[in-house]
């Protein structure tokens, strides 16, 4: 049976403002299994990227991790020192950032940026070892060796994103945290980046957490899927089960949004807008947009419950069925 490599329990991340705390991640719990592809999906502002950065303890003021646990090999990362966390990043958990243009240093050559992370973890390479190491990494992400001598502005968006992937796998981590790695890329380049990421996952056997808002992309890549809305996890199951029979009304609407080649129909959107997380509504946080809202939803907050083995949903429609 597959084992959990990372356990997130009741994680809360707030951003302090003059008007009060914004609850960007509000009591989220899930496990990452060893070697799986886990997708985290939701609209912009749902807390996906905040959660992804919290796993690496990259939240900076005015943001702060208020509560919860992030367990790696039964060790709570929230209890580690800054030095211990620094040594853990890249070597054990690596991040593929959302904006490759902003994450790469514009005045350093690609080879120097790759070797910077290696040197930071006290791995010493000779000149020949460094050349061979960079050549192998670039080959893994399907880039030519000459790219090593270029500056970021000389690369296309897809090439820059693959450089970020090469940096992320440079120390062979156990977990790759990919925060919307295909944002701002056209569909052809998106496919190239996701193929490269998939090959890395298979060849290295690493666990991948893929953050995004594209349900079509998740359907093609992920094994399991967690759906976030307004800082909360509202549904969790395998991708196959979720697309066959989505339970939460929000998940159902997300799946209906992408266009299909099988039928001609009008584009569908989710009515309304996400709530303000500074003053979230009472009851179910989705009730103002939900087509299946009931009176109970206006006042009672639904808990994330396992209604079938491995099938978790936070919705009164199913808690009522259990009663």
Protein backbone atom coordinates (compact mmCIF):
# COMPACT_ATOMS: atom_id res chain seq x y z
CA UNK A 1 0.00 0.00 0.00
CA UNK A 2 1.29 3.47 -0.87
CA UNK A 3 2.49 5.56 2.06
CA UNK A 4 2.20 9.27 2.75
CA UNK A 5 5.40 11.24 2.19
CA UNK A 6 3.91 14.54 3.44
CA UNK A 7 0.95 15.16 5.74
CA UNK A 8 -0.76 18.53 6.01
CA UNK A 9 -3.09 18.92 8.98
CA UNK A 10 -5.44 21.83 9.74
CA UNK A 11 -3.12 24.34 8.06
CA UNK A 12 -4.10 28.00 8.41
CA UNK A 13 -2.30 30.86 6.65
CA UNK A 14 -3.52 34.42 7.21
CA UNK A 15 -2.48 37.79 5.79
CA UNK A 16 -2.67 40.67 8.24
CA UNK A 17 -4.33 43.89 7.07
CA UNK A 18 -5.46 47.04 8.85
CA UNK A 19 -9.03 45.76 8.58
CA UNK A 20 -8.17 42.35 10.01
CA UNK A 21 -6.75 38.98 8.90
CA UNK A 22 -7.42 37.60 5.41
CA UNK A 23 -7.87 33.84 5.75
CA UNK A 24 -6.10 32.67 2.60
CA UNK A 25 -5.80 29.05 3.79
CA UNK A 26 -8.29 28.08 6.44
CA UNK A 27 -7.99 24.63 8.02
CA UNK A 28 -6.73 22.55 5.07
CA UNK A 29 -5.74 18.89 5.56
CA UNK A 30 -4.51 16.30 3.04
CA UNK A 31 -1.76 13.73 2.45
CA UNK A 32 0.73 13.51 -0.39
CA UNK A 33 1.46 9.89 -1.24
CA UNK A 34 4.88 8.63 -2.23
CA UNK A 35 5.42 8.89 -5.99
CA UNK A 36 1.98 10.25 -6.87
CA UNK A 37 0.84 13.19 -8.97
CA UNK A 38 -1.44 15.30 -6.81
CA UNK A 39 -3.35 18.21 -8.34
CA UNK A 40 -4.61 21.22 -6.40
CA UNK A 41 -7.18 23.17 -8.39
CA UNK A 42 -9.46 26.16 -7.93
CA UNK A 43 -10.22 29.68 -9.11
CA UNK A 44 -7.77 32.55 -8.67
CA UNK A 45 -7.74 33.61 -5.04
CA UNK A 46 -8.72 30.19 -3.70
CA UNK A 47 -5.49 29.88 -1.70
CA UNK A 48 -3.67 27.34 -3.90
CA UNK A 49 -0.40 29.23 -4.31
CA UNK A 50 -0.39 30.34 -0.68
CA UNK A 51 -0.70 26.70 0.36
CA UNK A 52 2.07 25.65 -2.04
CA UNK A 53 4.42 28.31 -0.64
CA UNK A 54 3.47 27.44 2.93
CA UNK A 55 4.74 23.88 2.41
CA UNK A 56 8.20 25.38 1.85
CA UNK A 57 7.74 27.95 4.62
CA UNK A 58 8.06 30.77 2.10
CA UNK A 59 5.24 32.86 3.58
CA UNK A 60 6.52 36.33 4.46
CA UNK A 61 4.90 39.22 6.37
CA UNK A 62 2.18 40.33 6.31
CA UNK A 63 1.45 36.64 5.79
CA UNK A 64 1.92 34.14 8.59
CA UNK A 65 1.22 30.48 9.27
CA UNK A 66 -1.26 30.62 12.13
CA UNK A 67 -1.82 26.97 12.94
CA UNK A 68 -1.52 23.40 11.75
CA UNK A 69 1.14 20.85 10.95
CA UNK A 70 3.27 20.03 7.91
CA UNK A 71 4.70 16.59 8.62
CA UNK A 72 7.61 15.26 6.58
CA UNK A 73 8.77 11.85 7.84
CA UNK A 74 6.82 12.58 11.05
CA UNK A 75 8.79 15.81 11.56
CA UNK A 76 6.76 19.00 11.76
CA UNK A 77 8.42 21.50 9.42
CA UNK A 78 6.92 24.37 11.41
CA UNK A 79 9.22 23.47 14.31
CA UNK A 80 12.45 23.58 12.30
CA UNK A 81 14.98 26.41 12.41
CA UNK A 82 15.61 28.69 9.43
CA UNK A 83 18.88 26.85 8.71
CA UNK A 84 17.18 23.46 8.80
CA UNK A 85 14.49 24.72 6.41
CA UNK A 86 17.14 26.16 4.07
CA UNK A 87 18.86 22.78 3.86
CA UNK A 88 15.53 21.07 3.22
CA UNK A 89 14.56 23.30 0.27
CA UNK A 90 15.66 22.06 -3.15
CA UNK A 91 17.22 18.91 -1.68
CA UNK A 92 14.02 17.42 -0.25
CA UNK A 93 11.21 19.72 -1.46
CA UNK A 94 11.76 21.81 -4.59
CA UNK A 95 9.62 24.59 -6.03
CA UNK A 96 8.86 25.28 -9.67
CA UNK A 97 7.68 28.91 -9.45
CA UNK A 98 4.69 30.34 -11.28
CA UNK A 99 6.59 33.12 -13.06
CA UNK A 100 9.85 31.91 -14.55
CA UNK A 101 10.58 35.41 -15.91
CA UNK A 102 10.62 36.82 -12.38
CA UNK A 103 12.35 33.89 -10.67
CA UNK A 104 15.46 33.75 -12.85
CA UNK A 105 18.24 36.30 -12.31
CA UNK A 106 18.39 38.47 -15.47
CA UNK A 107 22.12 39.22 -15.12
CA UNK A 108 23.42 35.68 -14.55
CA UNK A 109 23.96 32.97 -17.12
CA UNK A 110 21.81 29.86 -16.86
CA UNK A 111 24.72 27.62 -15.83
CA UNK A 112 25.57 29.88 -12.89
CA UNK A 113 21.97 29.86 -11.68
CA UNK A 114 21.82 26.07 -11.80
CA UNK A 115 25.10 25.72 -9.90
CA UNK A 116 24.09 28.32 -7.32
CA UNK A 117 21.62 25.95 -5.65
CA UNK A 118 24.12 23.10 -5.77
CA UNK A 119 26.80 25.22 -4.09
CA UNK A 120 24.32 26.43 -1.47
CA UNK A 121 23.97 22.82 -0.35
CA UNK A 122 27.74 22.44 -0.05
CA UNK A 123 28.13 20.14 -3.04
CA UNK A 124 31.51 20.84 -4.64
CA UNK A 125 32.03 20.06 -8.32
CA UNK A 126 35.13 20.32 -10.46
CA UNK A 127 34.91 22.29 -13.71
CA UNK A 128 34.41 19.09 -15.73
CA UNK A 129 31.87 17.69 -13.25
CA UNK A 130 29.94 20.97 -13.38
CA UNK A 131 29.85 20.93 -17.21
CA UNK A 132 28.67 17.30 -17.28
CA UNK A 133 26.14 17.95 -14.53
CA UNK A 134 24.60 20.93 -16.36
CA UNK A 135 24.62 19.08 -19.70
CA UNK A 136 22.75 16.14 -18.15
CA UNK A 137 20.17 18.41 -16.49
CA UNK A 138 19.50 20.34 -19.68
CA UNK A 139 19.17 17.11 -21.63
CA UNK A 140 16.58 15.87 -19.12
CA UNK A 141 14.38 18.89 -19.88
CA UNK A 142 15.10 18.65 -23.63
CA UNK A 143 17.31 21.72 -23.96
CA UNK A 144 20.60 21.94 -25.86
CA UNK A 145 23.89 22.29 -23.95
CA UNK A 146 24.47 25.75 -25.49
CA UNK A 147 21.59 27.09 -23.41
CA UNK A 148 23.86 26.98 -20.35
CA UNK A 149 25.82 30.01 -21.60
CA UNK A 150 22.76 32.16 -22.31
CA UNK A 151 20.99 34.77 -20.20
CA UNK A 152 17.26 34.41 -19.36
CA UNK A 153 16.22 37.18 -21.78
CA UNK A 154 17.65 35.11 -24.63
CA UNK A 155 15.21 32.25 -23.94
CA UNK A 156 11.55 31.78 -24.79
CA UNK A 157 8.93 31.44 -22.07
CA UNK A 158 8.81 27.67 -22.41
CA UNK A 159 12.60 27.39 -22.26
CA UNK A 160 12.73 29.52 -19.12
CA UNK A 161 10.09 27.33 -17.48
CA UNK A 162 12.10 24.22 -18.32
CA UNK A 163 15.18 25.85 -16.79
CA UNK A 164 13.16 26.26 -13.59
CA UNK A 165 12.31 22.56 -13.83
CA UNK A 166 15.99 21.70 -14.30
CA UNK A 167 16.89 23.71 -11.19
CA UNK A 168 14.10 22.01 -9.23
CA UNK A 169 15.40 18.50 -10.00
CA UNK A 170 19.10 19.39 -9.68
CA UNK A 171 19.45 17.77 -6.23
CA UNK A 172 16.93 14.98 -6.89
CA UNK A 173 14.30 16.01 -4.31
CA UNK A 174 11.56 13.74 -3.01
CA UNK A 175 8.79 16.28 -3.71
CA UNK A 176 8.40 18.76 -6.56
CA UNK A 177 6.02 21.61 -5.80
CA UNK A 178 4.87 23.00 -9.17
CA UNK A 179 2.97 26.28 -8.76
CA UNK A 180 1.07 26.83 -12.03
CA UNK A 181 4.13 26.01 -14.17
CA UNK A 182 2.26 26.63 -17.44
CA UNK A 183 0.77 30.05 -16.66
CA UNK A 184 1.22 32.67 -19.44
CA UNK A 185 2.34 29.99 -21.92
CA UNK A 186 0.53 29.08 -25.12
CA UNK A 187 -1.05 25.63 -25.39
CA UNK A 188 1.77 24.12 -27.47
CA UNK A 189 4.43 25.21 -24.97
CA UNK A 190 2.20 24.14 -22.08
CA UNK A 191 2.20 20.64 -23.51
CA UNK A 192 6.01 20.64 -23.84
CA UNK A 193 6.47 21.74 -20.22
CA UNK A 194 3.98 19.19 -18.87
CA UNK A 195 5.55 16.37 -20.91
CA UNK A 196 8.95 17.30 -19.47
CA UNK A 197 7.52 17.39 -15.94
CA UNK A 198 5.79 14.03 -16.44
CA UNK A 199 8.98 12.40 -17.68
CA UNK A 200 10.91 13.73 -14.69
CA UNK A 201 8.28 12.37 -12.31
CA UNK A 202 8.35 8.92 -13.90
CA UNK A 203 12.13 8.61 -14.23
CA UNK A 204 12.90 9.91 -10.73
CA UNK A 205 9.85 8.49 -8.93
CA UNK A 206 9.24 11.79 -7.14
CA UNK A 207 5.97 13.10 -5.76
CA UNK A 208 4.55 16.06 -7.69
CA UNK A 209 2.14 18.62 -6.29
CA UNK A 210 0.69 20.46 -9.29
CA UNK A 211 -1.12 23.72 -8.53
CA UNK A 212 -3.39 25.18 -11.21
CA UNK A 213 -6.84 26.23 -12.34
CA UNK A 214 -7.09 24.25 -15.60
CA UNK A 215 -9.31 21.19 -15.06
CA UNK A 216 -8.37 19.82 -18.49
CA UNK A 217 -4.68 19.91 -17.60
CA UNK A 218 -5.38 18.23 -14.26
CA UNK A 219 -7.36 15.48 -15.98
CA UNK A 220 -4.37 14.66 -18.17
CA UNK A 221 -1.65 14.83 -15.51
CA UNK A 222 -2.84 14.18 -11.95
CA UNK A 223 -3.63 10.92 -10.14
CA UNK A 224 -5.59 12.54 -7.33
CA UNK A 225 -7.20 15.94 -7.16
CA UNK A 226 -7.96 18.36 -4.35
CA UNK A 227 -10.43 21.18 -5.08
CA UNK A 228 -9.99 24.44 -3.16
CA UNK A 229 -12.48 27.26 -2.76
CA UNK A 230 -11.97 30.42 -0.71
CA UNK A 231 -9.17 28.96 1.38
CA UNK A 232 -10.83 25.60 2.07
CA UNK A 233 -10.52 22.13 0.59
CA UNK A 234 -14.01 21.16 -0.56
CA UNK A 235 -13.43 17.84 -2.38
CA UNK A 236 -10.68 15.23 -2.63
CA UNK A 237 -10.53 12.03 -4.67
CA UNK A 238 -8.90 10.37 -7.66
CA UNK A 239 -9.12 12.28 -10.92
CA UNK A 240 -11.02 9.41 -12.53
CA UNK A 241 -13.73 9.34 -9.85
CA UNK A 242 -14.04 13.10 -9.75
CA UNK A 243 -14.56 13.49 -13.48
CA UNK A 244 -16.98 10.57 -13.60
CA UNK A 245 -19.04 11.76 -10.65
CA UNK A 246 -18.10 15.09 -9.08
CA UNK A 247 -19.93 15.53 -5.79
CA UNK A 248 -19.43 19.10 -4.63
CA UNK A 249 -21.46 21.65 -6.67
CA UNK A 250 -18.34 23.79 -7.07
CA UNK A 251 -16.39 20.87 -8.57
CA UNK A 252 -19.28 20.12 -10.91
CA UNK A 253 -19.27 23.70 -12.16
CA UNK A 254 -15.47 23.70 -12.62
CA UNK A 255 -15.68 20.58 -14.77
CA UNK A 256 -18.44 22.11 -16.92
CA UNK A 257 -16.43 25.28 -17.63
CA UNK A 258 -13.84 24.06 -20.19
CA UNK A 259 -15.04 23.79 -23.82
CA UNK A 260 -15.41 20.37 -25.41
CA UNK A 261 -14.88 19.08 -28.93
CA UNK A 262 -17.71 16.57 -28.56
CA UNK A 263 -20.55 19.10 -28.61
CA UNK A 264 -21.18 22.69 -29.59
CA UNK A 265 -22.49 24.77 -26.69
CA UNK A 266 -22.17 28.12 -25.05
CA UNK A 267 -19.25 28.74 -22.74
CA UNK A 268 -20.25 28.30 -19.13
CA UNK A 269 -18.93 30.23 -16.19
CA UNK A 270 -19.57 29.98 -12.49
CA UNK A 271 -22.12 32.65 -11.54
CA UNK A 272 -21.15 35.29 -8.99
CA UNK A 273 -17.69 36.03 -7.61
CA UNK A 274 -15.59 34.44 -4.84
CA UNK A 275 -16.24 35.87 -1.36
CA UNK A 276 -14.01 38.34 0.44
CA UNK A 277 -11.76 36.33 2.74
CA UNK A 278 -11.49 39.27 5.10
CA UNK A 279 -15.12 38.80 6.09
CA UNK A 280 -16.21 35.40 4.74
CA UNK A 281 -19.94 34.58 4.77
CA UNK A 282 -21.51 32.43 7.47
CA UNK A 283 -22.24 28.77 6.85
CA UNK A 284 -20.93 27.12 3.69
CA UNK A 285 -18.57 29.59 2.06
CA UNK A 286 -19.91 28.61 -1.39
CA UNK A 287 -23.61 29.07 -0.60
CA UNK A 288 -24.03 32.45 -2.39
CA UNK A 289 -23.01 30.85 -5.73
CA UNK A 290 -24.32 27.33 -5.24
CA UNK A 291 -27.21 26.13 -7.46
CA UNK A 292 -28.15 23.49 -4.85
CA UNK A 293 -28.10 25.69 -1.74
CA UNK A 294 -30.36 24.75 1.18
CA UNK A 295 -31.36 26.62 4.30
CA UNK A 296 -28.84 24.69 6.38
CA UNK A 297 -26.02 25.92 4.14
CA UNK A 298 -26.60 29.54 5.20
CA UNK A 299 -25.66 28.98 8.84
CA UNK A 300 -23.72 25.69 9.27
CA UNK A 301 -20.16 25.19 8.05
CA UNK A 302 -19.80 21.75 6.39
CA UNK A 303 -16.85 19.62 7.49
CA UNK A 304 -14.61 17.78 5.04
CA UNK A 305 -15.80 14.20 5.54
CA UNK A 306 -14.89 10.85 4.02
CA UNK A 307 -18.19 9.64 2.61
CA UNK A 308 -16.67 6.74 0.65
CA UNK A 309 -13.19 5.20 1.01
CA UNK A 310 -10.78 7.86 -0.26
CA UNK A 311 -13.64 10.20 -1.23
CA UNK A 312 -13.76 13.41 0.80
CA UNK A 313 -16.26 16.22 0.37
CA UNK A 314 -17.36 19.25 2.40
CA UNK A 315 -21.04 19.61 1.54
CA UNK A 316 -24.27 19.29 3.53
CA UNK A 317 -25.87 17.35 0.66
CA UNK A 318 -23.79 14.32 1.64
CA UNK A 319 -23.58 14.82 5.39
CA UNK A 320 -27.37 14.67 5.36
CA UNK A 321 -27.26 11.37 3.47
CA UNK A 322 -24.99 9.86 6.13
CA UNK A 323 -27.42 10.92 8.87
